[in-house]
Amino acid sequence: MQAVHAFIEGNIVAAWVVLFAAFAVLAKCADLFVTASVSLAFKLRVPKLVVGIILVSLATTAPELSVSLLSALQGKPEMALGNAIGSVICDDGLALALAGLFSAAPIMILPAVFRSSAIFLIAIDIIAFLFVVFDNTLNRLEGAVLVTLFIGYLVFLYRQGRSGALKEATDAERIEGFVESALPKAIMLFVASLAGIIFASEFIITSATTIALFFAVPESIIALTLVALGTSIPEVATCVAAARKREGAIAVGNILGADIMNVCWVAGASAMANDLVLGRREILFMFPAMFIIVGAMLIMLRAGYSLTRTKGLVLFGLYILYLISFFIVFPPG
């Protein structure tokens, strides 16, 4: 496998070919992944939004975790923290936007789960910013705090489900005519499709990074844009597939969960491995950009507890403005 990656890194033509081939594999795996996730939601009798927040987002953020953790261990804090925050921006401005644009009908959202997730997401975004804004560092202790907060959030969701607070929403989500798969089959499909997503994502990351380096794009830009996009490909593909299959709750839950995990789990675990030190200019750009896009996303989802094509278009527009402003603040060369 290392030899294959080395070959891609040394051949720009191969990088382009592998990039498109990996996209094709990823699209098919994401489609199967959504099917497996819906089956698990039915068999485990939990709302699909919760499955998206916990199970799907934990799976689709695996590329972000592996890239950021490895970057931290290799002494590349810009790549580690930039990938985590950049992925939040990409998830909301691109993945969720595409879910809204590709959905045949407005995506309705479970209010109870949305409210708790939104409050927690806002809180941990602010906490993470306060951790780094004064000393430009997310240290091991602060990373441990973020990971602990995430564990506490999972416990909270679990207790909500156990108490029956989500039972009514679970029953309301039953889809008439849906053919349930046996639990072992659903689990096998989930694991196999996840493996395919991660496998394809690895080659997308390698190929995209090779292409960026070939055109002499600075590392800070690679981290917040190309690498963040590469590691967010599973979320993007899963959201589009979920929207096309009229499973919008999986898409929205996946993004809410991925946002939380990127800050608490990806950045937190990476900081526990090695202190993440970042430049002042990067910090004062990436965090305000994240606040704007996350804030806009939450406000629009709260309006009617739904995601429409118009809202998706607004989010996509904000993402384009983010990319334009990024290249103004950090000009190549």
C-alpha atoms as a PDB file:
ATOM      1  CA  MET A   1       0.000   0.000   0.000  1.00  0.00           C
ATOM      2  CA  GLN A   2       2.837   2.375   0.834  1.00  0.00           C
ATOM      3  CA  ALA A   3       4.368   1.690  -2.580  1.00  0.00           C
ATOM      4  CA  VAL A   4       1.097   2.604  -4.290  1.00  0.00           C
ATOM      5  CA  HIS A   5       0.858   5.874  -2.357  1.00  0.00           C
ATOM      6  CA  ALA A   6       4.494   6.615  -3.178  1.00  0.00           C
ATOM      7  CA  PHE A   7       3.817   6.032  -6.879  1.00  0.00           C
ATOM      8  CA  ILE A   8       0.843   8.430  -6.812  1.00  0.00           C
ATOM      9  CA  GLU A   9       2.882  11.077  -4.989  1.00  0.00           C
ATOM     10  CA  GLY A  10       5.538  10.920  -7.692  1.00  0.00           C
ATOM     11  CA  ASN A  11       3.250  10.947 -10.722  1.00  0.00           C
ATOM     12  CA  ILE A  12       0.842  13.826 -11.360  1.00  0.00           C
ATOM     13  CA  VAL A  13      -1.017  11.946 -14.140  1.00  0.00           C
ATOM     14  CA  ALA A  14      -1.578   8.947 -11.889  1.00  0.00           C
ATOM     15  CA  ALA A  15      -2.795  11.300  -9.175  1.00  0.00           C
ATOM     16  CA  TRP A  16      -5.551  12.651 -11.451  1.00  0.00           C
ATOM     17  CA  VAL A  17      -6.587   9.159 -12.606  1.00  0.00           C
ATOM     18  CA  VAL A  18      -6.698   7.773  -9.070  1.00  0.00           C
ATOM     19  CA  LEU A  19      -8.614  10.826  -7.856  1.00  0.00           C
ATOM     20  CA  PHE A  20     -11.514  10.256 -10.286  1.00  0.00           C
ATOM     21  CA  ALA A  21     -11.504   6.479  -9.764  1.00  0.00           C
ATOM     22  CA  ALA A  22     -11.658   6.956  -5.984  1.00  0.00           C
ATOM     23  CA  PHE A  23     -14.598   9.343  -6.370  1.00  0.00           C
ATOM     24  CA  ALA A  24     -16.520   6.648  -8.290  1.00  0.00           C
ATOM     25  CA  VAL A  25     -15.834   4.021  -5.614  1.00  0.00           C
ATOM     26  CA  LEU A  26     -16.757   6.462  -2.883  1.00  0.00           C
ATOM     27  CA  ALA A  27     -20.119   7.309  -4.475  1.00  0.00           C
ATOM     28  CA  LYS A  28     -21.182   3.655  -4.574  1.00  0.00           C
ATOM     29  CA  CYS A  29     -19.971   2.929  -1.046  1.00  0.00           C
ATOM     30  CA  ALA A  30     -21.771   5.996   0.298  1.00  0.00           C
ATOM     31  CA  ASP A  31     -25.020   4.777  -1.267  1.00  0.00           C
ATOM     32  CA  LEU A  32     -24.668   1.397   0.462  1.00  0.00           C
ATOM     33  CA  PHE A  33     -23.647   3.145   3.662  1.00  0.00           C
ATOM     34  CA  VAL A  34     -26.914   5.088   3.818  1.00  0.00           C
ATOM     35  CA  THR A  35     -28.932   1.902   3.244  1.00  0.00           C
ATOM     36  CA  ALA A  36     -27.094   0.151   6.068  1.00  0.00           C
ATOM     37  CA  SER A  37     -27.514   3.136   8.398  1.00  0.00           C
ATOM     38  CA  VAL A  38     -31.283   3.269   7.851  1.00  0.00           C
ATOM     39  CA  SER A  39     -31.512  -0.474   8.498  1.00  0.00           C
ATOM     40  CA  LEU A  40     -29.614  -0.073  11.757  1.00  0.00           C
ATOM     41  CA  ALA A  41     -31.887   2.788  12.780  1.00  0.00           C
ATOM     42  CA  PHE A  42     -34.890   0.518  12.406  1.00  0.00           C
ATOM     43  CA  LYS A  43     -33.351  -2.542  14.045  1.00  0.00           C
ATOM     44  CA  LEU A  44     -31.959  -0.601  17.013  1.00  0.00           C
ATOM     45  CA  ARG A  45     -35.210   1.396  17.341  1.00  0.00           C
ATOM     46  CA  VAL A  46     -33.577   4.801  17.593  1.00  0.00           C
ATOM     47  CA  PRO A  47     -34.312   7.944  15.533  1.00  0.00           C
ATOM     48  CA  LYS A  48     -32.349   8.175  12.318  1.00  0.00           C
ATOM     49  CA  LEU A  49     -31.118  11.629  13.330  1.00  0.00           C
ATOM     50  CA  VAL A  50     -29.463  10.070  16.396  1.00  0.00           C
ATOM     51  CA  VAL A  51     -27.969   7.296  14.264  1.00  0.00           C
ATOM     52  CA  GLY A  52     -26.564  10.008  11.998  1.00  0.00           C
ATOM     53  CA  ILE A  53     -25.149  12.001  14.909  1.00  0.00           C
ATOM     54  CA  ILE A  54     -23.440   9.065  16.598  1.00  0.00           C
ATOM     55  CA  LEU A  55     -22.927   6.077  14.303  1.00  0.00           C
ATOM     56  CA  VAL A  56     -22.650   7.585  10.840  1.00  0.00           C
ATOM     57  CA  SER A  57     -20.673  10.666  11.874  1.00  0.00           C
ATOM     58  CA  LEU A  58     -18.259   8.573  13.959  1.00  0.00           C
ATOM     59  CA  ALA A  59     -17.628   6.462  10.890  1.00  0.00           C
ATOM     60  CA  THR A  60     -17.333   9.256   8.346  1.00  0.00           C
ATOM     61  CA  THR A  61     -14.965  11.309  10.502  1.00  0.00           C
ATOM     62  CA  ALA A  62     -12.472   8.428  10.586  1.00  0.00           C
ATOM     63  CA  PRO A  63     -10.415  10.020   7.746  1.00  0.00           C
ATOM     64  CA  GLU A  64     -10.245  13.350   9.613  1.00  0.00           C
ATOM     65  CA  LEU A  65      -9.097  11.595  12.778  1.00  0.00           C
ATOM     66  CA  SER A  66      -6.425   9.542  11.035  1.00  0.00           C
ATOM     67  CA  VAL A  67      -5.047  12.513   9.093  1.00  0.00           C
ATOM     68  CA  SER A  68      -5.063  14.934  12.039  1.00  0.00           C
ATOM     69  CA  LEU A  69      -3.663  12.420  14.520  1.00  0.00           C
ATOM     70  CA  LEU A  70      -0.864  11.421  12.160  1.00  0.00           C
ATOM     71  CA  SER A  71      -0.138  15.082  11.415  1.00  0.00           C
ATOM     72  CA  ALA A  72       0.094  15.859  15.142  1.00  0.00           C
ATOM     73  CA  LEU A  73       2.465  12.950  15.731  1.00  0.00           C
ATOM     74  CA  GLN A  74       4.616  14.097  12.798  1.00  0.00           C
ATOM     75  CA  GLY A  75       4.821  17.643  14.176  1.00  0.00           C
ATOM     76  CA  LYS A  76       2.503  19.276  11.642  1.00  0.00           C
ATOM     77  CA  PRO A  77       0.009  21.165  13.838  1.00  0.00           C
ATOM     78  CA  GLU A  78      -1.231  23.330  10.955  1.00  0.00           C
ATOM     79  CA  MET A  79      -2.401  20.222   9.150  1.00  0.00           C
ATOM     80  CA  ALA A  80      -3.939  18.679  12.277  1.00  0.00           C
ATOM     81  CA  LEU A  81      -6.006  21.611  13.575  1.00  0.00           C
ATOM     82  CA  GLY A  82      -6.591  23.138  10.154  1.00  0.00           C
ATOM     83  CA  ASN A  83      -8.028  19.847   8.926  1.00  0.00           C
ATOM     84  CA  ALA A  84     -10.402  19.595  11.896  1.00  0.00           C
ATOM     85  CA  ILE A  85     -11.760  23.152  11.676  1.00  0.00           C
ATOM     86  CA  GLY A  86     -11.702  23.196   7.886  1.00  0.00           C
ATOM     87  CA  SER A  87     -13.748  19.992   7.855  1.00  0.00           C
ATOM     88  CA  VAL A  88     -16.454  21.631   9.982  1.00  0.00           C
ATOM     89  CA  ILE A  89     -16.670  24.460   7.456  1.00  0.00           C
ATOM     90  CA  CYS A  90     -16.704  22.026   4.538  1.00  0.00           C
ATOM     91  CA  ASP A  91     -19.348  19.799   6.151  1.00  0.00           C
ATOM     92  CA  ASP A  92     -21.759  22.694   6.706  1.00  0.00           C
ATOM     93  CA  GLY A  93     -21.034  24.766   3.616  1.00  0.00           C
ATOM     94  CA  LEU A  94     -20.675  21.944   1.110  1.00  0.00           C
ATOM     95  CA  ALA A  95     -21.975  18.569   2.358  1.00  0.00           C
ATOM     96  CA  LEU A  96     -25.128  19.851   4.043  1.00  0.00           C
ATOM     97  CA  ALA A  97     -25.678  22.383   1.262  1.00  0.00           C
ATOM     98  CA  LEU A  98     -25.608  19.620  -1.348  1.00  0.00           C
ATOM     99  CA  ALA A  99     -28.000  17.528   0.745  1.00  0.00           C
ATOM    100  CA  GLY A 100     -30.489  20.389   0.636  1.00  0.00           C
ATOM    101  CA  LEU A 101     -29.972  20.964  -3.088  1.00  0.00           C
ATOM    102  CA  PHE A 102     -30.296  17.283  -4.064  1.00  0.00           C
ATOM    103  CA  SER A 103     -33.233  16.448  -1.802  1.00  0.00           C
ATOM    104  CA  ALA A 104     -36.519  16.067  -3.671  1.00  0.00           C
ATOM    105  CA  ALA A 105     -38.420  17.561  -0.732  1.00  0.00           C
ATOM    106  CA  PRO A 106     -37.576  19.670   2.356  1.00  0.00           C
ATOM    107  CA  ILE A 107     -35.662  17.629   4.951  1.00  0.00           C
ATOM    108  CA  MET A 108     -37.519  17.631   8.252  1.00  0.00           C
ATOM    109  CA  ILE A 109     -35.482  17.583  11.473  1.00  0.00           C
ATOM    110  CA  LEU A 110     -36.252  16.118  14.887  1.00  0.00           C
ATOM    111  CA  PRO A 111     -36.528  19.234  17.140  1.00  0.00           C
ATOM    112  CA  ALA A 112     -35.487  17.629  20.453  1.00  0.00           C
ATOM    113  CA  VAL A 113     -32.272  16.144  19.108  1.00  0.00           C
ATOM    114  CA  PHE A 114     -31.498  19.234  17.027  1.00  0.00           C
ATOM    115  CA  ARG A 115     -31.796  21.576  20.009  1.00  0.00           C
ATOM    116  CA  SER A 116     -29.461  19.575  22.230  1.00  0.00           C
ATOM    117  CA  SER A 117     -26.948  19.071  19.407  1.00  0.00           C
ATOM    118  CA  ALA A 118     -27.027  22.740  18.406  1.00  0.00           C
ATOM    119  CA  ILE A 119     -26.464  23.969  21.958  1.00  0.00           C
ATOM    120  CA  PHE A 120     -23.592  21.551  22.463  1.00  0.00           C
ATOM    121  CA  LEU A 121     -22.026  22.423  19.092  1.00  0.00           C
ATOM    122  CA  ILE A 122     -22.093  26.157  19.848  1.00  0.00           C
ATOM    123  CA  ALA A 123     -20.623  25.558  23.309  1.00  0.00           C
ATOM    124  CA  ILE A 124     -17.688  23.409  22.183  1.00  0.00           C
ATOM    125  CA  ASP A 125     -16.877  25.724  19.268  1.00  0.00           C
ATOM    126  CA  ILE A 126     -16.590  28.647  21.696  1.00  0.00           C
ATOM    127  CA  ILE A 127     -14.593  26.585  24.199  1.00  0.00           C
ATOM    128  CA  ALA A 128     -12.143  25.434  21.511  1.00  0.00           C
ATOM    129  CA  PHE A 129     -11.665  29.032  20.348  1.00  0.00           C
ATOM    130  CA  LEU A 130     -11.009  30.249  23.906  1.00  0.00           C
ATOM    131  CA  PHE A 131      -8.471  27.465  24.352  1.00  0.00           C
ATOM    132  CA  VAL A 132      -6.349  28.624  21.393  1.00  0.00           C
ATOM    133  CA  VAL A 133      -6.961  32.369  21.069  1.00  0.00           C
ATOM    134  CA  PHE A 134      -4.737  33.470  23.968  1.00  0.00           C
ATOM    135  CA  ASP A 135      -1.636  31.330  23.412  1.00  0.00           C
ATOM    136  CA  ASN A 136      -2.124  30.028  19.833  1.00  0.00           C
ATOM    137  CA  THR A 137      -2.022  26.481  21.225  1.00  0.00           C
ATOM    138  CA  LEU A 138      -4.414  23.625  21.845  1.00  0.00           C
ATOM    139  CA  ASN A 139      -2.470  21.680  24.464  1.00  0.00           C
ATOM    140  CA  ARG A 140      -2.849  18.131  25.766  1.00  0.00           C
ATOM    141  CA  LEU A 141      -4.974  19.104  28.774  1.00  0.00           C
ATOM    142  CA  GLU A 142      -7.328  21.183  26.636  1.00  0.00           C
ATOM    143  CA  GLY A 143      -7.575  18.325  24.162  1.00  0.00           C
ATOM    144  CA  ALA A 144      -8.495  15.974  27.015  1.00  0.00           C
ATOM    145  CA  VAL A 145     -11.231  18.401  28.097  1.00  0.00           C
ATOM    146  CA  LEU A 146     -12.728  18.367  24.586  1.00  0.00           C
ATOM    147  CA  VAL A 147     -12.671  14.566  24.426  1.00  0.00           C
ATOM    148  CA  THR A 148     -14.270  14.345  27.888  1.00  0.00           C
ATOM    149  CA  LEU A 149     -17.029  16.751  26.840  1.00  0.00           C
ATOM    150  CA  PHE A 150     -17.728  14.587  23.814  1.00  0.00           C
ATOM    151  CA  ILE A 151     -18.014  11.458  25.937  1.00  0.00           C
ATOM    152  CA  GLY A 152     -20.407  13.311  28.230  1.00  0.00           C
ATOM    153  CA  TYR A 153     -22.524  14.273  25.219  1.00  0.00           C
ATOM    154  CA  LEU A 154     -22.757  10.647  24.082  1.00  0.00           C
ATOM    155  CA  VAL A 155     -23.872   9.637  27.572  1.00  0.00           C
ATOM    156  CA  PHE A 156     -26.536  12.361  27.455  1.00  0.00           C
ATOM    157  CA  LEU A 157     -27.918  11.076  24.140  1.00  0.00           C
ATOM    158  CA  TYR A 158     -27.890   7.515  25.427  1.00  0.00           C
ATOM    159  CA  ARG A 159     -29.845   8.467  28.535  1.00  0.00           C
ATOM    160  CA  GLN A 160     -32.350  10.377  26.409  1.00  0.00           C
ATOM    161  CA  GLY A 161     -32.987   7.247  24.433  1.00  0.00           C
ATOM    162  CA  ARG A 162     -33.208   5.040  27.524  1.00  0.00           C
ATOM    163  CA  SER A 163     -35.658   7.387  29.226  1.00  0.00           C
ATOM    164  CA  GLY A 164     -38.051   7.146  26.296  1.00  0.00           C
ATOM    165  CA  ALA A 165     -37.756  10.825  25.427  1.00  0.00           C
ATOM    166  CA  LEU A 166     -37.168   9.897  21.795  1.00  0.00           C
ATOM    167  CA  LYS A 167     -39.704   7.074  21.510  1.00  0.00           C
ATOM    168  CA  GLU A 168     -42.427   9.176  19.937  1.00  0.00           C
ATOM    169  CA  ALA A 169     -40.032  10.504  17.325  1.00  0.00           C
ATOM    170  CA  THR A 170     -38.752   6.986  16.649  1.00  0.00           C
ATOM    171  CA  ASP A 171     -42.224   5.645  16.012  1.00  0.00           C
ATOM    172  CA  ALA A 172     -43.088   8.620  13.813  1.00  0.00           C
ATOM    173  CA  GLU A 173     -40.120   7.897  11.576  1.00  0.00           C
ATOM    174  CA  ARG A 174     -41.248   4.431  10.544  1.00  0.00           C
ATOM    175  CA  ILE A 175     -41.347   4.365   6.791  1.00  0.00           C
ATOM    176  CA  GLU A 176     -44.248   2.455   5.362  1.00  0.00           C
ATOM    177  CA  GLY A 177     -43.100  -0.195   2.906  1.00  0.00           C
ATOM    178  CA  PHE A 178     -39.473  -0.202   4.052  1.00  0.00           C
ATOM    179  CA  VAL A 179     -37.991  -3.704   3.970  1.00  0.00           C
ATOM    180  CA  GLU A 180     -35.876  -4.266   7.054  1.00  0.00           C
ATOM    181  CA  SER A 181     -32.665  -6.265   6.761  1.00  0.00           C
ATOM    182  CA  ALA A 182     -31.547  -8.782   9.343  1.00  0.00           C
ATOM    183  CA  LEU A 183     -29.306  -7.148  11.951  1.00  0.00           C
ATOM    184  CA  PRO A 184     -26.164  -9.175  11.066  1.00  0.00           C
ATOM    185  CA  LYS A 185     -26.630  -8.316   7.376  1.00  0.00           C
ATOM    186  CA  ALA A 186     -27.129  -4.634   8.173  1.00  0.00           C
ATOM    187  CA  ILE A 187     -23.988  -4.586  10.323  1.00  0.00           C
ATOM    188  CA  MET A 188     -21.925  -6.356   7.646  1.00  0.00           C
ATOM    189  CA  LEU A 189     -23.141  -3.914   4.993  1.00  0.00           C
ATOM    190  CA  PHE A 190     -22.361  -0.979   7.278  1.00  0.00           C
ATOM    191  CA  VAL A 191     -18.816  -2.185   7.988  1.00  0.00           C
ATOM    192  CA  ALA A 192     -18.082  -3.126   4.367  1.00  0.00           C
ATOM    193  CA  SER A 193     -19.353   0.170   2.942  1.00  0.00           C
ATOM    194  CA  LEU A 194     -17.472   2.111   5.639  1.00  0.00           C
ATOM    195  CA  ALA A 195     -14.270   0.283   4.732  1.00  0.00           C
ATOM    196  CA  GLY A 196     -14.819   1.239   1.113  1.00  0.00           C
ATOM    197  CA  ILE A 197     -15.405   4.884   2.036  1.00  0.00           C
ATOM    198  CA  ILE A 198     -12.236   5.091   4.118  1.00  0.00           C
ATOM    199  CA  PHE A 199     -10.210   3.180   1.503  1.00  0.00           C
ATOM    200  CA  ALA A 200     -11.327   5.514  -1.278  1.00  0.00           C
ATOM    201  CA  SER A 201     -10.825   8.573   0.947  1.00  0.00           C
ATOM    202  CA  GLU A 202      -7.202   7.667   1.586  1.00  0.00           C
ATOM    203  CA  PHE A 203      -6.463   7.692  -2.133  1.00  0.00           C
ATOM    204  CA  ILE A 204      -8.434  10.898  -2.628  1.00  0.00           C
ATOM    205  CA  ILE A 205      -6.354  12.600   0.068  1.00  0.00           C
ATOM    206  CA  THR A 206      -3.065  11.345  -1.378  1.00  0.00           C
ATOM    207  CA  SER A 207      -4.013  12.288  -4.934  1.00  0.00           C
ATOM    208  CA  ALA A 208      -5.442  15.705  -4.051  1.00  0.00           C
ATOM    209  CA  THR A 209      -2.435  16.598  -1.898  1.00  0.00           C
ATOM    210  CA  THR A 210      -0.071  15.521  -4.694  1.00  0.00           C
ATOM    211  CA  ILE A 211      -1.919  17.747  -7.168  1.00  0.00           C
ATOM    212  CA  ALA A 212      -1.835  20.684  -4.743  1.00  0.00           C
ATOM    213  CA  LEU A 213       1.881  20.295  -4.084  1.00  0.00           C
ATOM    214  CA  PHE A 214       2.540  20.036  -7.818  1.00  0.00           C
ATOM    215  CA  PHE A 215       1.046  23.508  -8.232  1.00  0.00           C
ATOM    216  CA  ALA A 216       3.038  24.827  -5.216  1.00  0.00           C
ATOM    217  CA  VAL A 217       0.054  25.566  -2.958  1.00  0.00           C
ATOM    218  CA  PRO A 218       1.182  26.464   0.635  1.00  0.00           C
ATOM    219  CA  GLU A 219       0.578  23.914   3.420  1.00  0.00           C
ATOM    220  CA  SER A 220      -1.823  26.165   5.348  1.00  0.00           C
ATOM    221  CA  ILE A 221      -4.069  26.390   2.297  1.00  0.00           C
ATOM    222  CA  ILE A 222      -3.838  22.629   1.762  1.00  0.00           C
ATOM    223  CA  ALA A 223      -4.898  21.977   5.356  1.00  0.00           C
ATOM    224  CA  LEU A 224      -7.935  24.270   5.482  1.00  0.00           C
ATOM    225  CA  THR A 225      -9.180  23.642   1.963  1.00  0.00           C
ATOM    226  CA  LEU A 226      -7.943  20.621   0.021  1.00  0.00           C
ATOM    227  CA  VAL A 227      -7.155  18.266   2.894  1.00  0.00           C
ATOM    228  CA  ALA A 228     -10.320  19.335   4.726  1.00  0.00           C
ATOM    229  CA  LEU A 229     -12.302  18.698   1.560  1.00  0.00           C
ATOM    230  CA  GLY A 230     -10.566  15.369   1.020  1.00  0.00           C
ATOM    231  CA  THR A 231     -11.253  14.107   4.521  1.00  0.00           C
ATOM    232  CA  SER A 232     -14.834  15.415   4.316  1.00  0.00           C
ATOM    233  CA  ILE A 233     -15.576  13.494   1.136  1.00  0.00           C
ATOM    234  CA  PRO A 234     -17.326  10.700   3.115  1.00  0.00           C
ATOM    235  CA  GLU A 235     -19.687  13.262   4.681  1.00  0.00           C
ATOM    236  CA  VAL A 236     -20.291  14.915   1.304  1.00  0.00           C
ATOM    237  CA  ALA A 237     -20.968  11.613  -0.454  1.00  0.00           C
ATOM    238  CA  THR A 238     -23.110  10.283   2.387  1.00  0.00           C
ATOM    239  CA  CYS A 239     -25.190  13.478   2.532  1.00  0.00           C
ATOM    240  CA  VAL A 240     -25.849  13.500  -1.201  1.00  0.00           C
ATOM    241  CA  ALA A 241     -26.697   9.787  -1.205  1.00  0.00           C
ATOM    242  CA  ALA A 242     -28.984  10.202   1.799  1.00  0.00           C
ATOM    243  CA  ALA A 243     -30.786  13.152   0.223  1.00  0.00           C
ATOM    244  CA  ARG A 244     -31.301  11.314  -3.061  1.00  0.00           C
ATOM    245  CA  LYS A 245     -32.719   8.319  -1.154  1.00  0.00           C
ATOM    246  CA  ARG A 246     -35.067  10.628   0.807  1.00  0.00           C
ATOM    247  CA  GLU A 247     -33.214   9.890   4.057  1.00  0.00           C
ATOM    248  CA  GLY A 248     -32.482  13.503   4.983  1.00  0.00           C
ATOM    249  CA  ALA A 249     -32.420  12.816   8.725  1.00  0.00           C
ATOM    250  CA  ILE A 250     -29.310  10.688   8.201  1.00  0.00           C
ATOM    251  CA  ALA A 251     -27.671  13.555   6.276  1.00  0.00           C
ATOM    252  CA  VAL A 252     -28.456  16.262   8.847  1.00  0.00           C
ATOM    253  CA  GLY A 253     -27.568  14.024  11.782  1.00  0.00           C
ATOM    254  CA  ASN A 254     -24.321  13.046  10.098  1.00  0.00           C
ATOM    255  CA  ILE A 255     -23.267  16.694   9.721  1.00  0.00           C
ATOM    256  CA  LEU A 256     -24.266  17.738  13.255  1.00  0.00           C
ATOM    257  CA  GLY A 257     -22.381  14.766  14.649  1.00  0.00           C
ATOM    258  CA  ALA A 258     -19.393  15.298  12.365  1.00  0.00           C
ATOM    259  CA  ASP A 259     -19.133  18.952  13.432  1.00  0.00           C
ATOM    260  CA  ILE A 260     -19.111  17.944  17.089  1.00  0.00           C
ATOM    261  CA  MET A 261     -16.617  15.131  16.498  1.00  0.00           C
ATOM    262  CA  ASN A 262     -14.250  17.249  14.422  1.00  0.00           C
ATOM    263  CA  VAL A 263     -13.869  19.723  17.282  1.00  0.00           C
ATOM    264  CA  CYS A 264     -14.070  17.374  20.279  1.00  0.00           C
ATOM    265  CA  TRP A 265     -12.776  14.093  18.932  1.00  0.00           C
ATOM    266  CA  VAL A 266     -10.481  14.905  15.996  1.00  0.00           C
ATOM    267  CA  ALA A 267      -8.909  18.113  17.360  1.00  0.00           C
ATOM    268  CA  GLY A 268      -9.083  16.917  20.975  1.00  0.00           C
ATOM    269  CA  ALA A 269      -7.456  13.525  20.380  1.00  0.00           C
ATOM    270  CA  SER A 270      -4.795  15.090  18.130  1.00  0.00           C
ATOM    271  CA  ALA A 271      -3.952  17.649  20.831  1.00  0.00           C
ATOM    272  CA  MET A 272      -3.656  14.840  23.380  1.00  0.00           C
ATOM    273  CA  ALA A 273      -1.065  13.235  21.107  1.00  0.00           C
ATOM    274  CA  ASN A 274       0.903  16.463  20.674  1.00  0.00           C
ATOM    275  CA  ASP A 275       0.315  20.154  21.414  1.00  0.00           C
ATOM    276  CA  LEU A 276      -1.214  21.880  18.387  1.00  0.00           C
ATOM    277  CA  VAL A 277       0.496  25.240  17.831  1.00  0.00           C
ATOM    278  CA  LEU A 278      -0.903  27.444  15.067  1.00  0.00           C
ATOM    279  CA  GLY A 279      -0.119  30.856  13.598  1.00  0.00           C
ATOM    280  CA  ARG A 280      -2.058  33.881  14.829  1.00  0.00           C
ATOM    281  CA  ARG A 281      -3.367  34.767  11.389  1.00  0.00           C
ATOM    282  CA  GLU A 282      -4.681  31.245  10.776  1.00  0.00           C
ATOM    283  CA  ILE A 283      -6.502  31.186  14.129  1.00  0.00           C
ATOM    284  CA  LEU A 284      -8.125  34.579  13.644  1.00  0.00           C
ATOM    285  CA  PHE A 285      -9.330  33.501  10.209  1.00  0.00           C
ATOM    286  CA  MET A 286     -10.447  29.907  10.620  1.00  0.00           C
ATOM    287  CA  PHE A 287     -12.467  30.267  13.815  1.00  0.00           C
ATOM    288  CA  PRO A 288     -14.533  33.336  12.774  1.00  0.00           C
ATOM    289  CA  ALA A 289     -15.179  31.631   9.428  1.00  0.00           C
ATOM    290  CA  MET A 290     -16.390  28.540  11.265  1.00  0.00           C
ATOM    291  CA  PHE A 291     -18.619  30.611  13.569  1.00  0.00           C
ATOM    292  CA  ILE A 292     -20.260  32.347  10.612  1.00  0.00           C
ATOM    293  CA  ILE A 293     -21.015  29.182   8.624  1.00  0.00           C
ATOM    294  CA  VAL A 294     -22.028  27.066  11.642  1.00  0.00           C
ATOM    295  CA  GLY A 295     -24.186  29.898  12.981  1.00  0.00           C
ATOM    296  CA  ALA A 296     -25.915  30.381   9.629  1.00  0.00           C
ATOM    297  CA  MET A 297     -26.478  26.639   9.341  1.00  0.00           C
ATOM    298  CA  LEU A 298     -28.058  26.350  12.804  1.00  0.00           C
ATOM    299  CA  ILE A 299     -30.267  29.420  12.347  1.00  0.00           C
ATOM    300  CA  MET A 300     -31.607  28.136   9.042  1.00  0.00           C
ATOM    301  CA  LEU A 301     -32.195  24.600  10.328  1.00  0.00           C
ATOM    302  CA  ARG A 302     -34.009  26.034  13.357  1.00  0.00           C
ATOM    303  CA  ALA A 303     -36.396  27.942  11.068  1.00  0.00           C
ATOM    304  CA  GLY A 304     -39.168  25.397  10.594  1.00  0.00           C
ATOM    305  CA  TYR A 305     -36.832  22.566  11.647  1.00  0.00           C
ATOM    306  CA  SER A 306     -36.152  21.831   8.008  1.00  0.00           C
ATOM    307  CA  LEU A 307     -33.505  22.042   5.302  1.00  0.00           C
ATOM    308  CA  THR A 308     -34.719  23.318   1.948  1.00  0.00           C
ATOM    309  CA  ARG A 309     -33.032  23.902  -1.389  1.00  0.00           C
ATOM    310  CA  THR A 310     -32.970  27.636  -0.735  1.00  0.00           C
ATOM    311  CA  LYS A 311     -31.179  27.121   2.579  1.00  0.00           C
ATOM    312  CA  GLY A 312     -28.771  24.715   0.889  1.00  0.00           C
ATOM    313  CA  LEU A 313     -28.022  27.323  -1.745  1.00  0.00           C
ATOM    314  CA  VAL A 314     -27.298  29.944   0.935  1.00  0.00           C
ATOM    315  CA  LEU A 315     -24.880  27.577   2.708  1.00  0.00           C
ATOM    316  CA  PHE A 316     -23.147  26.782  -0.568  1.00  0.00           C
ATOM    317  CA  GLY A 317     -22.813  30.499  -1.292  1.00  0.00           C
ATOM    318  CA  LEU A 318     -21.194  31.052   2.099  1.00  0.00           C
ATOM    319  CA  TYR A 319     -18.734  28.242   1.376  1.00  0.00           C
ATOM    320  CA  ILE A 320     -17.752  29.846  -1.938  1.00  0.00           C
ATOM    321  CA  LEU A 321     -17.241  33.194  -0.172  1.00  0.00           C
ATOM    322  CA  TYR A 322     -15.085  31.381   2.408  1.00  0.00           C
ATOM    323  CA  LEU A 323     -12.859  29.974  -0.327  1.00  0.00           C
ATOM    324  CA  ILE A 324     -12.561  33.367  -2.028  1.00  0.00           C
ATOM    325  CA  SER A 325     -11.719  35.156   1.239  1.00  0.00           C
ATOM    326  CA  PHE A 326      -9.238  32.412   2.111  1.00  0.00           C
ATOM    327  CA  PHE A 327      -7.199  32.997  -1.013  1.00  0.00           C
ATOM    328  CA  ILE A 328      -7.327  36.751  -0.392  1.00  0.00           C
ATOM    329  CA  VAL A 329      -5.994  36.397   3.171  1.00  0.00           C
ATOM    330  CA  PHE A 330      -3.543  33.613   2.241  1.00  0.00           C
ATOM    331  CA  PRO A 331      -2.440  34.327  -1.351  1.00  0.00           C
ATOM    332  CA  PRO A 332      -0.464  31.487  -2.979  1.00  0.00           C
ATOM    333  CA  GLY A 333       3.214  31.982  -3.525  1.00  0.00           C
END
